[in-house]
């Protein structure tokens, strides 16, 4: 099976700050950009060719601070979700991030490494994950939205993720 992709007639925004380039062809094979050229750039035999006339092509976006596992407005509500419901909703958030163009995210607390493994194994369509896993908090910082919280951390979710108090 040929996994090559060819993007033709794209308006290329390369992320370097250079001017956008019209009518560009980008050849990707094995998930790696092999060639960037003009309209005469050759396509590998059997490659899937996509005509991007009138569309932009740009590098994947990176979100450096997100909480894909914050399912409910208040953390205690998230912590009360059944584990399967929590996992499926977090997976939906990760799939949505990818569909919005975020190919890399840094989850700033809550997801565990099993989400990254599920993406690696192809069980989940999601972005590349950099995980903090354990949230950091001050005393009383893992509180409900209003008022002071308890002096000890409360669970972040039903997977057993607890904030680390670092006064």
Foldseek 3Di string as FASTA:
>chain_A
DWAKEKEFQAQEDEPPPDHTDGGWIWIDGPNHTDDIGHPPDDYPPPHHYDYQNVYHDYAFDEAEEDALQCQDPWQVVQAPDDPVVSVVSSLVSQQVCVVVRHQEYEYQEDDDCVVQVCCVVVVGPGHRYHYPHAHEAAQQGSATPDDGHHRAWDDRHNVRHTHDHDD
